[in-house]
C-alpha atoms as a PDB file:
ATOM      1  CA  MET A   1       0.011  -0.101   0.078  1.00  0.00           C
ATOM      2  CA  SER A   2       1.153   3.432  -0.919  1.00  0.00           C
ATOM      3  CA  ILE A   3      -0.311   6.432   0.631  1.00  0.00           C
ATOM      4  CA  GLU A   4      -0.044   9.667  -1.489  1.00  0.00           C
ATOM      5  CA  TYR A   5      -0.806  13.234  -0.165  1.00  0.00           C
ATOM      6  CA  ARG A   6      -2.025  15.896  -2.043  1.00  0.00           C
ATOM      7  CA  LEU A   7      -4.079  19.416  -1.356  1.00  0.00           C
ATOM      8  CA  LEU A   8      -7.655  18.935  -1.625  1.00  0.00           C
ATOM      9  CA  ALA A   9      -9.692  21.270  -4.023  1.00  0.00           C
ATOM     10  CA  PRO A  10     -13.026  22.936  -2.974  1.00  0.00           C
ATOM     11  CA  HIS A  11     -15.064  21.103  -5.330  1.00  0.00           C
ATOM     12  CA  GLU A  12     -13.623  17.663  -3.374  1.00  0.00           C
ATOM     13  CA  CYS A  13     -15.394  18.544  -0.138  1.00  0.00           C
ATOM     14  CA  GLY A  14     -18.164  15.861  -0.588  1.00  0.00           C
ATOM     15  CA  ARG A  15     -14.896  13.052  -0.818  1.00  0.00           C
ATOM     16  CA  ILE A  16     -14.870  13.230   2.885  1.00  0.00           C
ATOM     17  CA  LYS A  17     -17.816  10.573   2.819  1.00  0.00           C
ATOM     18  CA  GLU A  18     -15.220   8.049   1.227  1.00  0.00           C
ATOM     19  CA  ILE A  19     -13.694   7.603   4.709  1.00  0.00           C
ATOM     20  CA  ASN A  20     -15.358   5.418   7.567  1.00  0.00           C
ATOM     21  CA  PRO A  21     -14.643   7.812  10.492  1.00  0.00           C
ATOM     22  CA  ALA A  22     -16.159   5.014  13.041  1.00  0.00           C
ATOM     23  CA  ARG A  23     -14.131   4.402  15.977  1.00  0.00           C
ATOM     24  CA  PHE A  24     -14.571   2.527  19.390  1.00  0.00           C
ATOM     25  CA  ILE A  25     -14.261   4.898  22.454  1.00  0.00           C
ATOM     26  CA  LYS A  26     -13.139   3.217  25.745  1.00  0.00           C
ATOM     27  CA  ARG A  27     -12.560   6.129  27.690  1.00  0.00           C
ATOM     28  CA  ALA A  28     -12.675   9.828  27.442  1.00  0.00           C
ATOM     29  CA  TRP A  29     -11.708  12.668  29.751  1.00  0.00           C
ATOM     30  CA  ARG A  30     -14.686  14.132  31.363  1.00  0.00           C
ATOM     31  CA  SER A  31     -15.503  16.510  34.125  1.00  0.00           C
ATOM     32  CA  VAL A  32     -17.601  14.510  37.061  1.00  0.00           C
ATOM     33  CA  ASN A  33     -18.637  16.735  39.740  1.00  0.00           C
ATOM     34  CA  GLY A  34     -16.054  19.547  38.891  1.00  0.00           C
ATOM     35  CA  ILE A  35     -13.053  17.048  38.597  1.00  0.00           C
ATOM     36  CA  LYS A  36     -11.466  16.141  35.765  1.00  0.00           C
ATOM     37  CA  GLN A  37     -10.873  12.408  34.992  1.00  0.00           C
ATOM     38  CA  TRP A  38     -11.362   9.343  32.691  1.00  0.00           C
ATOM     39  CA  VAL A  39     -14.386   7.935  32.383  1.00  0.00           C
ATOM     40  CA  ASP A  40     -15.106   4.347  30.534  1.00  0.00           C
ATOM     41  CA  LEU A  41     -17.535   4.856  27.798  1.00  0.00           C
ATOM     42  CA  ASP A  42     -17.118   1.747  25.906  1.00  0.00           C
ATOM     43  CA  TRP A  43     -19.263   3.102  22.980  1.00  0.00           C
ATOM     44  CA  LEU A  44     -18.887   2.805  19.081  1.00  0.00           C
ATOM     45  CA  ASP A  45     -19.236   6.221  17.245  1.00  0.00           C
ATOM     46  CA  ASP A  46     -19.870   5.203  14.001  1.00  0.00           C
ATOM     47  CA  ASP A  47     -20.039   8.624  12.410  1.00  0.00           C
ATOM     48  CA  TYR A  48     -18.534  12.036  12.068  1.00  0.00           C
ATOM     49  CA  PRO A  49     -18.991  13.687  15.618  1.00  0.00           C
ATOM     50  CA  ASP A  50     -21.943  16.057  15.262  1.00  0.00           C
ATOM     51  CA  GLY A  51     -22.544  14.029  11.586  1.00  0.00           C
ATOM     52  CA  TYR A  52     -21.211  13.979   8.189  1.00  0.00           C
ATOM     53  CA  ASP A  53     -23.183  17.379   7.118  1.00  0.00           C
ATOM     54  CA  ASN A  54     -21.474  19.242   9.795  1.00  0.00           C
ATOM     55  CA  HIS A  55     -17.828  18.315   8.766  1.00  0.00           C
ATOM     56  CA  PHE A  56     -18.851  19.049   5.080  1.00  0.00           C
ATOM     57  CA  ASP A  57     -20.252  22.400   5.981  1.00  0.00           C
ATOM     58  CA  ALA A  58     -17.045  23.139   7.934  1.00  0.00           C
ATOM     59  CA  LEU A  59     -14.579  21.917   5.175  1.00  0.00           C
ATOM     60  CA  GLN A  60     -16.591  23.962   2.611  1.00  0.00           C
ATOM     61  CA  ALA A  61     -16.009  27.079   5.296  1.00  0.00           C
ATOM     62  CA  THR A  62     -12.381  26.342   5.298  1.00  0.00           C
ATOM     63  CA  PHE A  63     -11.980  27.133   1.584  1.00  0.00           C
ATOM     64  CA  GLU A  64     -14.253  30.138   1.675  1.00  0.00           C
ATOM     65  CA  GLY A  65     -12.013  31.662   4.500  1.00  0.00           C
ATOM     66  CA  CYS A  66      -8.610  30.636   2.039  1.00  0.00           C
ATOM     67  CA  GLY A  67      -7.681  27.838   4.444  1.00  0.00           C
ATOM     68  CA  PHE A  68      -6.513  24.506   3.086  1.00  0.00           C
ATOM     69  CA  ALA A  69      -7.101  20.677   3.440  1.00  0.00           C
ATOM     70  CA  ILE A  70      -4.637  18.061   2.581  1.00  0.00           C
ATOM     71  CA  GLY A  71      -5.987  14.490   1.669  1.00  0.00           C
ATOM     72  CA  ALA A  72      -4.354  10.933   1.862  1.00  0.00           C
ATOM     73  CA  PHE A  73      -5.013   8.681  -0.730  1.00  0.00           C
ATOM     74  CA  ASP A  74      -5.188   5.042  -1.168  1.00  0.00           C
ATOM     75  CA  GLY A  75      -5.245   4.873  -5.102  1.00  0.00           C
ATOM     76  CA  ASP A  76      -8.313   6.889  -5.925  1.00  0.00           C
ATOM     77  CA  VAL A  77      -9.945   6.787  -2.667  1.00  0.00           C
ATOM     78  CA  LEU A  78      -9.644   9.273   0.330  1.00  0.00           C
ATOM     79  CA  VAL A  79      -8.629   7.707   3.288  1.00  0.00           C
ATOM     80  CA  GLY A  80      -7.917  10.624   5.482  1.00  0.00           C
ATOM     81  CA  PHE A  81      -7.700  14.196   5.548  1.00  0.00           C
ATOM     82  CA  VAL A  82      -6.717  17.624   7.716  1.00  0.00           C
ATOM     83  CA  SER A  83      -8.155  21.164   7.171  1.00  0.00           C
ATOM     84  CA  VAL A  84      -6.545  24.356   8.578  1.00  0.00           C
ATOM     85  CA  ASN A  85      -8.634  27.183   8.893  1.00  0.00           C
ATOM     86  CA  ARG A  86      -6.778  30.596   7.614  1.00  0.00           C
ATOM     87  CA  ASN A  87      -8.211  33.170  10.116  1.00  0.00           C
ATOM     88  CA  VAL A  88      -5.297  34.292  12.903  1.00  0.00           C
ATOM     89  CA  PHE A  89      -6.283  34.739  16.520  1.00  0.00           C
ATOM     90  CA  GLY A  90      -4.580  35.186  19.889  1.00  0.00           C
ATOM     91  CA  SER A  91      -3.352  37.908  22.046  1.00  0.00           C
ATOM     92  CA  ARG A  92       0.123  36.350  22.904  1.00  0.00           C
ATOM     93  CA  PHE A  93       0.582  34.048  19.815  1.00  0.00           C
ATOM     94  CA  LYS A  94      -0.649  33.733  16.442  1.00  0.00           C
ATOM     95  CA  TYR A  95      -2.748  30.620  16.040  1.00  0.00           C
ATOM     96  CA  VAL A  96      -4.682  28.963  13.317  1.00  0.00           C
ATOM     97  CA  LEU A  97      -7.271  26.603  13.831  1.00  0.00           C
ATOM     98  CA  LEU A  98      -6.407  22.744  12.832  1.00  0.00           C
ATOM     99  CA  ASP A  99     -10.138  22.253  12.224  1.00  0.00           C
ATOM    100  CA  GLN A 100     -10.276  18.544  11.475  1.00  0.00           C
ATOM    101  CA  LEU A 101      -7.953  15.647  11.023  1.00  0.00           C
ATOM    102  CA  PHE A 102      -9.633  12.142  10.322  1.00  0.00           C
ATOM    103  CA  VAL A 103      -8.235   8.719   9.153  1.00  0.00           C
ATOM    104  CA  ASP A 104     -10.651   5.852   8.020  1.00  0.00           C
ATOM    105  CA  ASN A 105     -10.936   3.405  10.789  1.00  0.00           C
ATOM    106  CA  LYS A 106      -9.041   0.573   8.526  1.00  0.00           C
ATOM    107  CA  TYR A 107      -6.233   3.094   7.736  1.00  0.00           C
ATOM    108  CA  GLN A 108      -5.517   4.057  11.511  1.00  0.00           C
ATOM    109  CA  GLY A 109      -2.238   3.378  13.133  1.00  0.00           C
ATOM    110  CA  GLN A 110      -0.469   3.518  10.213  1.00  0.00           C
ATOM    111  CA  GLY A 111       0.949   6.843  10.489  1.00  0.00           C
ATOM    112  CA  ILE A 112      -1.410   8.589   7.872  1.00  0.00           C
ATOM    113  CA  GLY A 113      -2.531  10.961  10.734  1.00  0.00           C
ATOM    114  CA  LYS A 114       0.807  11.870  11.631  1.00  0.00           C
ATOM    115  CA  ASN A 115       1.844  12.680   8.103  1.00  0.00           C
ATOM    116  CA  LEU A 116      -1.200  14.734   7.471  1.00  0.00           C
ATOM    117  CA  PHE A 117      -0.514  16.741  10.584  1.00  0.00           C
ATOM    118  CA  ARG A 118       3.270  17.393   9.585  1.00  0.00           C
ATOM    119  CA  LEU A 119       2.122  18.179   5.983  1.00  0.00           C
ATOM    120  CA  SER A 120      -0.345  20.603   7.594  1.00  0.00           C
ATOM    121  CA  ALA A 121       2.205  22.306   9.631  1.00  0.00           C
ATOM    122  CA  GLU A 122       4.793  22.661   7.065  1.00  0.00           C
ATOM    123  CA  LYS A 123       1.909  24.642   5.143  1.00  0.00           C
ATOM    124  CA  ALA A 124       0.794  26.575   7.803  1.00  0.00           C
ATOM    125  CA  LYS A 125       4.501  27.851   8.615  1.00  0.00           C
ATOM    126  CA  GLN A 126       4.262  29.961   5.756  1.00  0.00           C
ATOM    127  CA  TRP A 127       1.230  31.972   6.812  1.00  0.00           C
ATOM    128  CA  GLY A 128       4.120  33.149   9.505  1.00  0.00           C
ATOM    129  CA  VAL A 129       1.784  32.286  12.569  1.00  0.00           C
ATOM    130  CA  ASP A 130       3.049  30.629  16.080  1.00  0.00           C
ATOM    131  CA  LYS A 131       0.960  27.757  16.565  1.00  0.00           C
ATOM    132  CA  PHE A 132      -1.848  25.374  15.756  1.00  0.00           C
ATOM    133  CA  TYR A 133      -4.899  25.535  17.655  1.00  0.00           C
ATOM    134  CA  ILE A 134      -6.857  22.272  18.257  1.00  0.00           C
ATOM    135  CA  CYS A 135     -10.127  21.531  19.633  1.00  0.00           C
ATOM    136  CA  ALA A 136      -9.317  17.627  20.411  1.00  0.00           C
ATOM    137  CA  GLY A 137     -12.022  15.225  21.192  1.00  0.00           C
ATOM    138  CA  SER A 138     -11.652  13.955  24.695  1.00  0.00           C
ATOM    139  CA  SER A 139     -10.858  10.166  23.654  1.00  0.00           C
ATOM    140  CA  GLU A 140      -7.930   8.571  25.295  1.00  0.00           C
ATOM    141  CA  ASN A 141      -6.839   7.564  21.488  1.00  0.00           C
ATOM    142  CA  THR A 142      -7.274  11.108  20.478  1.00  0.00           C
ATOM    143  CA  LEU A 143      -5.555  12.978  23.177  1.00  0.00           C
ATOM    144  CA  ALA A 144      -2.724  10.122  22.614  1.00  0.00           C
ATOM    145  CA  PHE A 145      -2.106  10.693  19.330  1.00  0.00           C
ATOM    146  CA  TYR A 146      -1.973  14.747  19.894  1.00  0.00           C
ATOM    147  CA  LYS A 147       0.331  14.117  22.798  1.00  0.00           C
ATOM    148  CA  THR A 148       2.967  12.074  20.741  1.00  0.00           C
ATOM    149  CA  LEU A 149       3.026  14.854  18.086  1.00  0.00           C
ATOM    150  CA  GLY A 150       4.016  17.393  20.986  1.00  0.00           C
ATOM    151  CA  CYS A 151       0.831  19.121  21.143  1.00  0.00           C
ATOM    152  CA  VAL A 152       0.272  20.576  25.115  1.00  0.00           C
ATOM    153  CA  GLU A 153      -2.768  22.383  26.828  1.00  0.00           C
ATOM    154  CA  ALA A 154      -3.144  25.688  24.871  1.00  0.00           C
ATOM    155  CA  MET A 155      -1.769  28.640  26.701  1.00  0.00           C
ATOM    156  CA  GLU A 156      -4.482  30.808  25.351  1.00  0.00           C
ATOM    157  CA  ILE A 157      -8.138  29.828  25.514  1.00  0.00           C
ATOM    158  CA  ASP A 158     -10.533  30.596  22.704  1.00  0.00           C
ATOM    159  CA  GLN A 159     -13.743  31.067  24.516  1.00  0.00           C
ATOM    160  CA  ALA A 160     -16.091  30.488  21.733  1.00  0.00           C
ATOM    161  CA  LEU A 161     -14.153  27.582  20.543  1.00  0.00           C
ATOM    162  CA  GLN A 162     -14.326  25.832  23.976  1.00  0.00           C
ATOM    163  CA  ALA A 163     -17.908  26.802  24.554  1.00  0.00           C
ATOM    164  CA  ALA A 164     -18.780  24.763  21.283  1.00  0.00           C
ATOM    165  CA  ASP A 165     -17.935  21.556  23.031  1.00  0.00           C
ATOM    166  CA  GLU A 166     -17.249  21.579  26.634  1.00  0.00           C
ATOM    167  CA  ASN A 167     -15.486  18.107  26.488  1.00  0.00           C
ATOM    168  CA  ASP A 168     -12.994  19.094  23.883  1.00  0.00           C
ATOM    169  CA  MET A 169      -9.772  19.524  24.982  1.00  0.00           C
ATOM    170  CA  GLN A 170      -7.952  22.842  24.076  1.00  0.00           C
ATOM    171  CA  LEU A 171      -4.360  22.153  22.727  1.00  0.00           C
ATOM    172  CA  GLU A 172      -1.783  23.546  20.807  1.00  0.00           C
ATOM    173  CA  TYR A 173       1.112  23.009  18.663  1.00  0.00           C
ATOM    174  CA  ALA A 174       4.231  25.046  18.275  1.00  0.00           C
ATOM    175  CA  LEU A 175       4.853  25.197  14.625  1.00  0.00           C
ATOM    176  CA  HIS A 176       8.586  26.809  15.003  1.00  0.00           C
ATOM    177  CA  ALA A 177       9.777  24.423  17.788  1.00  0.00           C
END
C-alpha cells in the first residue's frame, strides 16, 4: 500500500464521505462533579462527530476562508484528511485552527494521521503564524495521538471554540519548535 498526499480542491469536499470515521471509544476525559478524570464509555461512534453534514460544511467554510485541506489517498480513494483555517487569532501568539483531522478506521495506526499533521504544519508555517490551535475530542486515543505529536494544553483559550463543545480539550502545537 502506497499512500499519496495532496492538497484537496474545494469541489472535493464531498469526498470526505469516502472515509469511514467509525471508532471505538473506550475512555474519555470528562468533568465529573467538577473534577477532570477518565470515564469509561465503551462506545462505538460510527459517524463523524455531530454528523457528516457538519464536517462537510466546516470543510467548505475552510476553503471559503482561504484555508486549505490535505488528503491522503490509497489509489483513488480518500482515506484521510486534515483541514486548517486561515483566520489568525490570539493575543500573545498567532494561532490558526487545525479544524479537522480524520483517518479511515481501517487505516488508523499506519502513520497517516501523523503525516497529515506534519504536512499541514509545514504549509501553515508559510503564513507566518506561531501555533496550531486544536479542539481535540476527549477520547483517550485522540488525546494520546496529539500528545505523541508534541501538542500541549493551549496557553490561550479561545472561549468561543471551548464553548462549542465543553468536552473538547483545547490544545496547541508550536509550529516553529
